[in-house]
Each structure stands twice: as C-alpha cells, then as structure tokens.
Amino acid sequence: MSVEMPSGFAGKGVIARPVLAVEVAKALRELILEGELAGGEKIREKELTERFGVSRTPLREAMKMLSAEGLIELIPNRGAIISQTSEADLADAFPVLAALEALAGEQAVARAPDDELAAIAQLTNDLRTAFAAGDRHGYFAINQSIHDAIIAASRNPTLRKTHASLAGKVHRARYQANQAIGRWEQAVAEHVQISQALRDRDGERVSVLLRDHLMAKLDSVLA
C-alpha cells in the first residue's frame, strides 16, 4: 500500500517532501516496533520503496529520523540495519532510565505548575481510552507523550539530555513490554497512580511509582 501525503500538502513544493518523509518514518517505525523488521536485519531500500510507493529520497530521510530515535543504525558505505539491543544492554539501560524518570517525577512535583500536571492527567485519561479500544499504536504514542511530559516538567535540562541519550536504546523494548494483556492492564493502572500522585504533589510516591513502572517493563521484556 502506498504511503499517502496528508491532504493540503500535495503539490506545495518544499513542504511536500518533509511531510512525506514523516509519513514514511511512521510506517517504517511501525514495522520495526511490531517486529516485522528484526534487530540486526539490513534495510532493503528497493523493497521498501516499492512497498510504500515512494522514491529513495523520502525513505532515506525517514531512516535518518529513525536513526535519531535509536531504531536504525546508519553504516557509512554499507547502508542501514535495524538496531539490535541485547538483554544485557536492556538490563543496564532500564535501571538508569528508571532512576532518571523517578527523579524527573519528584522534581516535576516541586517545579511544574498545576496546568502542566493537569495536562498529564488528561493524557492519562486518553491512555485509558486507547487501552479500552485495544489501540496499541495510539496507546504507545500517548504513553511516550506522558513520559516526555514528566521529563519536561522536571525543568532539568541535564536530566532531559541524559534521558534522551538512553531512550532510543529501549524504544522498541518499551513498545513490546505490554504485549501480554495482563501486563498492559497493569501498566494502565500504574499510570493512573502516577498521575494522581503528581496531582497530589507527593514527590516521594511519584518517584517510587515511576521507578517501579520502568523496572516492571524490563521484567516484562526479559520474560
């Protein structure tokens, strides 16, 4: 199936190509997160251009975007492969991310205004709606928005930069953590608790909840 550009952008010159690349990146991201393209697999550009109905230019632009997310590794003179993360890599990365997000939650309680915490609460409601609808892709996007919002609410640029440098390593693992329906349901419940603790401005509880939430993801992936 061809990737279509959003209405209103076709034929508008310089705007069209970046928008198409974003759409291709979205489609390619889904193939990686769903496991259709496996870790370590070489990206076959010809197959993907035919599958998406695009030229190589937007595909390569999309690959650069996903490289920045840590999903693709670009190798000079050799093309690109799907990034591969070992169990040992995940076991090292998740505790660090858990510590960073725990600190972010604690600092968000102390530093973020009420409307910012209310926005996280609304995202949590949207998360519950996506879960009820069985919308895994929508759920993951909202889930990422919640975690990003908590990081931003910490008002800590150093924390944010350090977190971003690690997040790409576990992007696919975080998506796959909720494959089992029981774990997915529990993750929603954890997010509800995190949101309430933020609204209550209970920094200690938010810190514990976020740390446990991230480590539960690691246990699920390794299992």
C-alpha atoms as a PDB file:
ATOM      1  CA  MET A   1       0.000   0.000   0.000  1.00  0.00           C
ATOM      2  CA  SER A   2       1.339   3.399  -0.932  1.00  0.00           C
ATOM      3  CA  VAL A   3       2.031   5.976   1.742  1.00  0.00           C
ATOM      4  CA  GLU A   4      -0.181   8.989   1.075  1.00  0.00           C
ATOM      5  CA  MET A   5       0.662  12.567   1.972  1.00  0.00           C
ATOM      6  CA  PRO A   6      -1.789  14.384   4.265  1.00  0.00           C
ATOM      7  CA  SER A   7      -4.376  16.420   2.405  1.00  0.00           C
ATOM      8  CA  GLY A   8      -3.450  20.027   1.777  1.00  0.00           C
ATOM      9  CA  PHE A   9       0.253  19.401   1.287  1.00  0.00           C
ATOM     10  CA  ALA A  10       0.452  17.764  -2.164  1.00  0.00           C
ATOM     11  CA  GLY A  11       1.910  20.000  -4.812  1.00  0.00           C
ATOM     12  CA  LYS A  12       3.211  22.640  -2.442  1.00  0.00           C
ATOM     13  CA  GLY A  13       6.864  22.218  -3.324  1.00  0.00           C
ATOM     14  CA  VAL A  14       9.333  22.451  -0.470  1.00  0.00           C
ATOM     15  CA  ILE A  15       6.799  21.439   2.189  1.00  0.00           C
ATOM     16  CA  ALA A  16       5.727  18.228   0.486  1.00  0.00           C
ATOM     17  CA  ARG A  17       8.932  16.218   0.751  1.00  0.00           C
ATOM     18  CA  PRO A  18       9.479  16.585   4.530  1.00  0.00           C
ATOM     19  CA  VAL A  19       5.826  15.725   5.178  1.00  0.00           C
ATOM     20  CA  LEU A  20       6.118  12.607   3.018  1.00  0.00           C
ATOM     21  CA  ALA A  21       9.305  11.600   4.851  1.00  0.00           C
ATOM     22  CA  VAL A  22       7.439  11.894   8.172  1.00  0.00           C
ATOM     23  CA  GLU A  23       4.692   9.614   6.858  1.00  0.00           C
ATOM     24  CA  VAL A  24       7.257   7.093   5.621  1.00  0.00           C
ATOM     25  CA  ALA A  25       9.037   7.247   9.008  1.00  0.00           C
ATOM     26  CA  LYS A  26       5.729   6.497  10.730  1.00  0.00           C
ATOM     27  CA  ALA A  27       5.104   3.435   8.550  1.00  0.00           C
ATOM     28  CA  LEU A  28       8.691   2.193   8.897  1.00  0.00           C
ATOM     29  CA  ARG A  29       8.611   2.749  12.668  1.00  0.00           C
ATOM     30  CA  GLU A  30       5.556   0.500  12.946  1.00  0.00           C
ATOM     31  CA  LEU A  31       7.287  -2.291  11.021  1.00  0.00           C
ATOM     32  CA  ILE A  32      10.212  -2.119  13.445  1.00  0.00           C
ATOM     33  CA  LEU A  33       8.157  -1.849  16.639  1.00  0.00           C
ATOM     34  CA  GLU A  34       5.895  -4.716  15.582  1.00  0.00           C
ATOM     35  CA  GLY A  35       8.935  -6.889  14.887  1.00  0.00           C
ATOM     36  CA  GLU A  36       8.305  -7.334  11.158  1.00  0.00           C
ATOM     37  CA  LEU A  37      11.794  -5.917  10.668  1.00  0.00           C
ATOM     38  CA  ALA A  38      14.027  -7.666  13.171  1.00  0.00           C
ATOM     39  CA  GLY A  39      17.050  -6.357  15.053  1.00  0.00           C
ATOM     40  CA  GLY A  40      20.237  -6.721  13.006  1.00  0.00           C
ATOM     41  CA  GLU A  41      18.337  -7.011   9.715  1.00  0.00           C
ATOM     42  CA  LYS A  42      19.670  -4.973   6.782  1.00  0.00           C
ATOM     43  CA  ILE A  43      17.190  -2.482   5.366  1.00  0.00           C
ATOM     44  CA  ARG A  44      16.385  -3.321   1.758  1.00  0.00           C
ATOM     45  CA  GLU A  45      15.622   0.051   0.266  1.00  0.00           C
ATOM     46  CA  LYS A  46      14.238  -1.222  -3.042  1.00  0.00           C
ATOM     47  CA  GLU A  47      11.664  -3.433  -1.299  1.00  0.00           C
ATOM     48  CA  LEU A  48      10.549  -0.617   0.976  1.00  0.00           C
ATOM     49  CA  THR A  49      10.255   1.988  -1.774  1.00  0.00           C
ATOM     50  CA  GLU A  50       8.018  -0.427  -3.684  1.00  0.00           C
ATOM     51  CA  ARG A  51       6.010  -1.267  -0.583  1.00  0.00           C
ATOM     52  CA  PHE A  52       5.435   2.371   0.387  1.00  0.00           C
ATOM     53  CA  GLY A  53       5.140   3.669  -3.174  1.00  0.00           C
ATOM     54  CA  VAL A  54       7.829   6.327  -2.712  1.00  0.00           C
ATOM     55  CA  SER A  55      11.258   7.174  -4.086  1.00  0.00           C
ATOM     56  CA  ARG A  56      14.507   6.600  -2.231  1.00  0.00           C
ATOM     57  CA  THR A  57      14.799  10.246  -1.126  1.00  0.00           C
ATOM     58  CA  PRO A  58      11.888  10.319   1.389  1.00  0.00           C
ATOM     59  CA  LEU A  59      12.803   6.807   2.528  1.00  0.00           C
ATOM     60  CA  ARG A  60      16.363   7.874   3.330  1.00  0.00           C
ATOM     61  CA  GLU A  61      15.109  10.998   5.099  1.00  0.00           C
ATOM     62  CA  ALA A  62      12.801   8.767   7.143  1.00  0.00           C
ATOM     63  CA  MET A  63      15.709   6.482   8.004  1.00  0.00           C
ATOM     64  CA  LYS A  64      17.670   9.465   9.323  1.00  0.00           C
ATOM     65  CA  MET A  65      14.732  10.327  11.603  1.00  0.00           C
ATOM     66  CA  LEU A  66      14.563   6.795  12.964  1.00  0.00           C
ATOM     67  CA  SER A  67      18.333   6.745  13.402  1.00  0.00           C
ATOM     68  CA  ALA A  68      17.961   9.722  15.736  1.00  0.00           C
ATOM     69  CA  GLU A  69      15.405   7.693  17.701  1.00  0.00           C
ATOM     70  CA  GLY A  70      17.827   4.782  18.023  1.00  0.00           C
ATOM     71  CA  LEU A  71      15.728   2.397  15.919  1.00  0.00           C
ATOM     72  CA  ILE A  72      18.053   2.307  12.912  1.00  0.00           C
ATOM     73  CA  GLU A  73      21.822   2.263  12.638  1.00  0.00           C
ATOM     74  CA  LEU A  74      23.276   4.025   9.598  1.00  0.00           C
ATOM     75  CA  ILE A  75      26.573   2.467   8.498  1.00  0.00           C
ATOM     76  CA  PRO A  76      28.784   4.507   6.123  1.00  0.00           C
ATOM     77  CA  ASN A  77      29.125   2.862   2.689  1.00  0.00           C
ATOM     78  CA  ARG A  78      27.091  -0.140   3.831  1.00  0.00           C
ATOM     79  CA  GLY A  79      23.537   1.115   4.143  1.00  0.00           C
ATOM     80  CA  ALA A  80      21.444   0.708   7.285  1.00  0.00           C
ATOM     81  CA  ILE A  81      20.385  -2.006   9.690  1.00  0.00           C
ATOM     82  CA  ILE A  82      17.698  -2.286  12.335  1.00  0.00           C
ATOM     83  CA  SER A  83      19.295  -1.538  15.702  1.00  0.00           C
ATOM     84  CA  GLN A  84      19.823  -4.545  17.896  1.00  0.00           C
ATOM     85  CA  THR A  85      19.782  -4.363  21.683  1.00  0.00           C
ATOM     86  CA  SER A  86      20.846  -7.333  23.803  1.00  0.00           C
ATOM     87  CA  GLU A  87      19.275  -8.410  27.070  1.00  0.00           C
ATOM     88  CA  ALA A  88      22.419  -7.226  28.816  1.00  0.00           C
ATOM     89  CA  ASP A  89      22.054  -3.784  27.194  1.00  0.00           C
ATOM     90  CA  LEU A  90      18.445  -3.563  28.362  1.00  0.00           C
ATOM     91  CA  ALA A  91      19.358  -4.752  31.854  1.00  0.00           C
ATOM     92  CA  ASP A  92      21.939  -1.949  32.030  1.00  0.00           C
ATOM     93  CA  ALA A  93      19.803   0.794  30.471  1.00  0.00           C
ATOM     94  CA  PHE A  94      16.464   0.347  32.234  1.00  0.00           C
ATOM     95  CA  PRO A  95      17.679   0.937  35.809  1.00  0.00           C
ATOM     96  CA  VAL A  96      19.354   4.172  34.684  1.00  0.00           C
ATOM     97  CA  LEU A  97      16.183   5.311  32.905  1.00  0.00           C
ATOM     98  CA  ALA A  98      14.131   4.312  35.933  1.00  0.00           C
ATOM     99  CA  ALA A  99      16.342   6.435  38.187  1.00  0.00           C
ATOM    100  CA  LEU A 100      16.136   9.399  35.812  1.00  0.00           C
ATOM    101  CA  GLU A 101      12.355   9.216  35.464  1.00  0.00           C
ATOM    102  CA  ALA A 102      11.953   8.791  39.225  1.00  0.00           C
ATOM    103  CA  LEU A 103      13.972  11.967  39.749  1.00  0.00           C
ATOM    104  CA  ALA A 104      12.025  13.738  36.985  1.00  0.00           C
ATOM    105  CA  GLY A 105       8.744  12.907  38.703  1.00  0.00           C
ATOM    106  CA  GLU A 106       9.996  14.159  42.041  1.00  0.00           C
ATOM    107  CA  GLN A 107      11.229  17.419  40.507  1.00  0.00           C
ATOM    108  CA  ALA A 108       8.042  17.851  38.464  1.00  0.00           C
ATOM    109  CA  VAL A 109       6.048  17.792  41.693  1.00  0.00           C
ATOM    110  CA  ALA A 110       8.226  20.580  43.071  1.00  0.00           C
ATOM    111  CA  ARG A 111       8.607  22.690  39.931  1.00  0.00           C
ATOM    112  CA  ALA A 112       5.744  22.229  37.468  1.00  0.00           C
ATOM    113  CA  PRO A 113       2.630  24.442  37.527  1.00  0.00           C
ATOM    114  CA  ASP A 114      -0.809  22.944  38.119  1.00  0.00           C
ATOM    115  CA  ASP A 115      -1.882  23.204  34.485  1.00  0.00           C
ATOM    116  CA  GLU A 116       1.087  21.101  33.372  1.00  0.00           C
ATOM    117  CA  LEU A 117       0.221  18.355  35.817  1.00  0.00           C
ATOM    118  CA  ALA A 118      -3.421  18.598  34.743  1.00  0.00           C
ATOM    119  CA  ALA A 119      -2.315  18.062  31.131  1.00  0.00           C
ATOM    120  CA  ILE A 120      -0.548  14.851  32.181  1.00  0.00           C
ATOM    121  CA  ALA A 121      -3.758  13.763  33.891  1.00  0.00           C
ATOM    122  CA  GLN A 122      -5.669  14.345  30.638  1.00  0.00           C
ATOM    123  CA  LEU A 123      -3.116  12.326  28.707  1.00  0.00           C
ATOM    124  CA  THR A 124      -3.623   9.542  31.240  1.00  0.00           C
ATOM    125  CA  ASN A 125      -7.361   9.599  30.533  1.00  0.00           C
ATOM    126  CA  ASP A 126      -6.556   9.375  26.819  1.00  0.00           C
ATOM    127  CA  LEU A 127      -4.281   6.428  27.604  1.00  0.00           C
ATOM    128  CA  ARG A 128      -7.142   4.588  29.295  1.00  0.00           C
ATOM    129  CA  THR A 129      -9.353   5.235  26.279  1.00  0.00           C
ATOM    130  CA  ALA A 130      -6.733   3.827  23.899  1.00  0.00           C
ATOM    131  CA  PHE A 131      -6.372   0.732  26.088  1.00  0.00           C
ATOM    132  CA  ALA A 132     -10.136   0.182  26.187  1.00  0.00           C
ATOM    133  CA  ALA A 133     -10.222   0.405  22.386  1.00  0.00           C
ATOM    134  CA  GLY A 134      -7.310  -2.025  22.025  1.00  0.00           C
ATOM    135  CA  ASP A 135      -5.426   0.687  20.115  1.00  0.00           C
ATOM    136  CA  ARG A 136      -1.842  -0.402  20.723  1.00  0.00           C
ATOM    137  CA  HIS A 137      -0.245   2.164  18.424  1.00  0.00           C
ATOM    138  CA  GLY A 138      -2.299   5.008  19.862  1.00  0.00           C
ATOM    139  CA  TYR A 139      -1.565   3.813  23.369  1.00  0.00           C
ATOM    140  CA  PHE A 140       2.171   3.755  22.786  1.00  0.00           C
ATOM    141  CA  ALA A 141       2.179   7.263  21.315  1.00  0.00           C
ATOM    142  CA  ILE A 142       0.231   8.630  24.287  1.00  0.00           C
ATOM    143  CA  ASN A 143       2.412   6.684  26.711  1.00  0.00           C
ATOM    144  CA  GLN A 144       5.523   8.269  25.219  1.00  0.00           C
ATOM    145  CA  SER A 145       3.892  11.700  25.457  1.00  0.00           C
ATOM    146  CA  ILE A 146       3.220  11.166  29.164  1.00  0.00           C
ATOM    147  CA  HIS A 147       6.787  10.172  29.943  1.00  0.00           C
ATOM    148  CA  ASP A 148       8.133  13.035  27.826  1.00  0.00           C
ATOM    149  CA  ALA A 149       5.817  15.464  29.644  1.00  0.00           C
ATOM    150  CA  ILE A 150       7.078  14.303  33.031  1.00  0.00           C
ATOM    151  CA  ILE A 151      10.678  14.721  31.901  1.00  0.00           C
ATOM    152  CA  ALA A 152       9.893  18.228  30.608  1.00  0.00           C
ATOM    153  CA  ALA A 153       8.027  19.115  33.804  1.00  0.00           C
ATOM    154  CA  SER A 154      11.175  18.411  35.827  1.00  0.00           C
ATOM    155  CA  ARG A 155      12.645  21.670  34.474  1.00  0.00           C
ATOM    156  CA  ASN A 156      16.012  19.896  34.432  1.00  0.00           C
ATOM    157  CA  PRO A 157      17.864  20.267  31.090  1.00  0.00           C
ATOM    158  CA  THR A 158      20.699  17.967  32.163  1.00  0.00           C
ATOM    159  CA  LEU A 159      18.270  15.223  33.112  1.00  0.00           C
ATOM    160  CA  ARG A 160      16.377  15.673  29.866  1.00  0.00           C
ATOM    161  CA  LYS A 161      19.537  15.437  27.740  1.00  0.00           C
ATOM    162  CA  THR A 162      20.817  12.371  29.584  1.00  0.00           C
ATOM    163  CA  HIS A 163      17.434  10.655  29.327  1.00  0.00           C
ATOM    164  CA  ALA A 164      17.231  11.333  25.575  1.00  0.00           C
ATOM    165  CA  SER A 165      20.653   9.773  25.026  1.00  0.00           C
ATOM    166  CA  LEU A 166      19.411   6.475  26.512  1.00  0.00           C
ATOM    167  CA  ALA A 167      15.766   6.396  25.469  1.00  0.00           C
ATOM    168  CA  GLY A 168      16.467   5.307  21.899  1.00  0.00           C
ATOM    169  CA  LYS A 169      18.197   2.147  23.111  1.00  0.00           C
ATOM    170  CA  VAL A 170      14.996   0.850  24.696  1.00  0.00           C
ATOM    171  CA  HIS A 171      12.370   2.382  22.388  1.00  0.00           C
ATOM    172  CA  ARG A 172      11.343  -0.935  20.821  1.00  0.00           C
ATOM    173  CA  ALA A 173      11.519  -2.785  24.134  1.00  0.00           C
ATOM    174  CA  ARG A 174       9.153  -0.264  25.747  1.00  0.00           C
ATOM    175  CA  TYR A 175       6.679  -0.862  22.931  1.00  0.00           C
ATOM    176  CA  GLN A 176       6.867  -4.628  23.294  1.00  0.00           C
ATOM    177  CA  ALA A 177       6.622  -4.585  27.104  1.00  0.00           C
ATOM    178  CA  ASN A 178       2.819  -4.613  27.068  1.00  0.00           C
ATOM    179  CA  GLN A 179       2.284  -7.463  24.604  1.00  0.00           C
ATOM    180  CA  ALA A 180       0.663  -9.577  27.336  1.00  0.00           C
ATOM    181  CA  ILE A 181      -2.814  -8.225  28.119  1.00  0.00           C
ATOM    182  CA  GLY A 182      -2.300  -8.670  31.870  1.00  0.00           C
ATOM    183  CA  ARG A 183       0.848  -6.536  31.844  1.00  0.00           C
ATOM    184  CA  TRP A 184      -0.818  -3.959  29.605  1.00  0.00           C
ATOM    185  CA  GLU A 185      -3.720  -3.612  32.013  1.00  0.00           C
ATOM    186  CA  GLN A 186      -1.346  -3.292  34.960  1.00  0.00           C
ATOM    187  CA  ALA A 187       0.649  -0.604  33.137  1.00  0.00           C
ATOM    188  CA  VAL A 188      -2.526   1.469  32.732  1.00  0.00           C
ATOM    189  CA  ALA A 189      -3.252   1.143  36.447  1.00  0.00           C
ATOM    190  CA  GLU A 190       0.290   2.265  37.228  1.00  0.00           C
ATOM    191  CA  HIS A 191      -0.128   5.340  35.050  1.00  0.00           C
ATOM    192  CA  VAL A 192      -3.335   6.265  36.863  1.00  0.00           C
ATOM    193  CA  GLN A 193      -1.468   6.056  40.180  1.00  0.00           C
ATOM    194  CA  ILE A 194       1.428   8.133  38.819  1.00  0.00           C
ATOM    195  CA  SER A 195      -0.951  10.807  37.562  1.00  0.00           C
ATOM    196  CA  GLN A 196      -2.768  11.001  40.889  1.00  0.00           C
ATOM    197  CA  ALA A 197       0.481  11.249  42.835  1.00  0.00           C
ATOM    198  CA  LEU A 198       1.583  14.112  40.573  1.00  0.00           C
ATOM    199  CA  ARG A 199      -1.714  15.954  41.157  1.00  0.00           C
ATOM    200  CA  ASP A 200      -1.330  15.348  44.906  1.00  0.00           C
ATOM    201  CA  ARG A 201       2.227  16.698  44.676  1.00  0.00           C
ATOM    202  CA  ASP A 202       3.521  13.648  46.509  1.00  0.00           C
ATOM    203  CA  GLY A 203       7.102  13.622  45.236  1.00  0.00           C
ATOM    204  CA  GLU A 204       8.225  10.585  47.182  1.00  0.00           C
ATOM    205  CA  ARG A 205       5.321   8.452  45.928  1.00  0.00           C
ATOM    206  CA  VAL A 206       5.735   9.614  42.325  1.00  0.00           C
ATOM    207  CA  SER A 207       9.413   8.704  42.474  1.00  0.00           C
ATOM    208  CA  VAL A 208       8.708   5.171  43.726  1.00  0.00           C
ATOM    209  CA  LEU A 209       5.864   4.616  41.255  1.00  0.00           C
ATOM    210  CA  LEU A 210       7.898   5.696  38.244  1.00  0.00           C
ATOM    211  CA  ARG A 211      10.897   3.609  39.217  1.00  0.00           C
ATOM    212  CA  ASP A 212       8.733   0.525  39.734  1.00  0.00           C
ATOM    213  CA  HIS A 213       6.865   1.185  36.478  1.00  0.00           C
ATOM    214  CA  LEU A 214      10.076   1.225  34.419  1.00  0.00           C
ATOM    215  CA  MET A 215      11.516  -1.833  36.118  1.00  0.00           C
ATOM    216  CA  ALA A 216       8.263  -3.740  35.546  1.00  0.00           C
ATOM    217  CA  LYS A 217       8.689  -3.005  31.835  1.00  0.00           C
ATOM    218  CA  LEU A 218      12.164  -4.548  31.944  1.00  0.00           C
ATOM    219  CA  ASP A 219      10.840  -7.677  33.701  1.00  0.00           C
ATOM    220  CA  SER A 220       8.110  -7.997  31.065  1.00  0.00           C
ATOM    221  CA  VAL A 221      10.522  -7.663  28.146  1.00  0.00           C
ATOM    222  CA  LEU A 222      13.016 -10.153  29.541  1.00  0.00           C
ATOM    223  CA  ALA A 223      10.232 -12.605  30.292  1.00  0.00           C
END
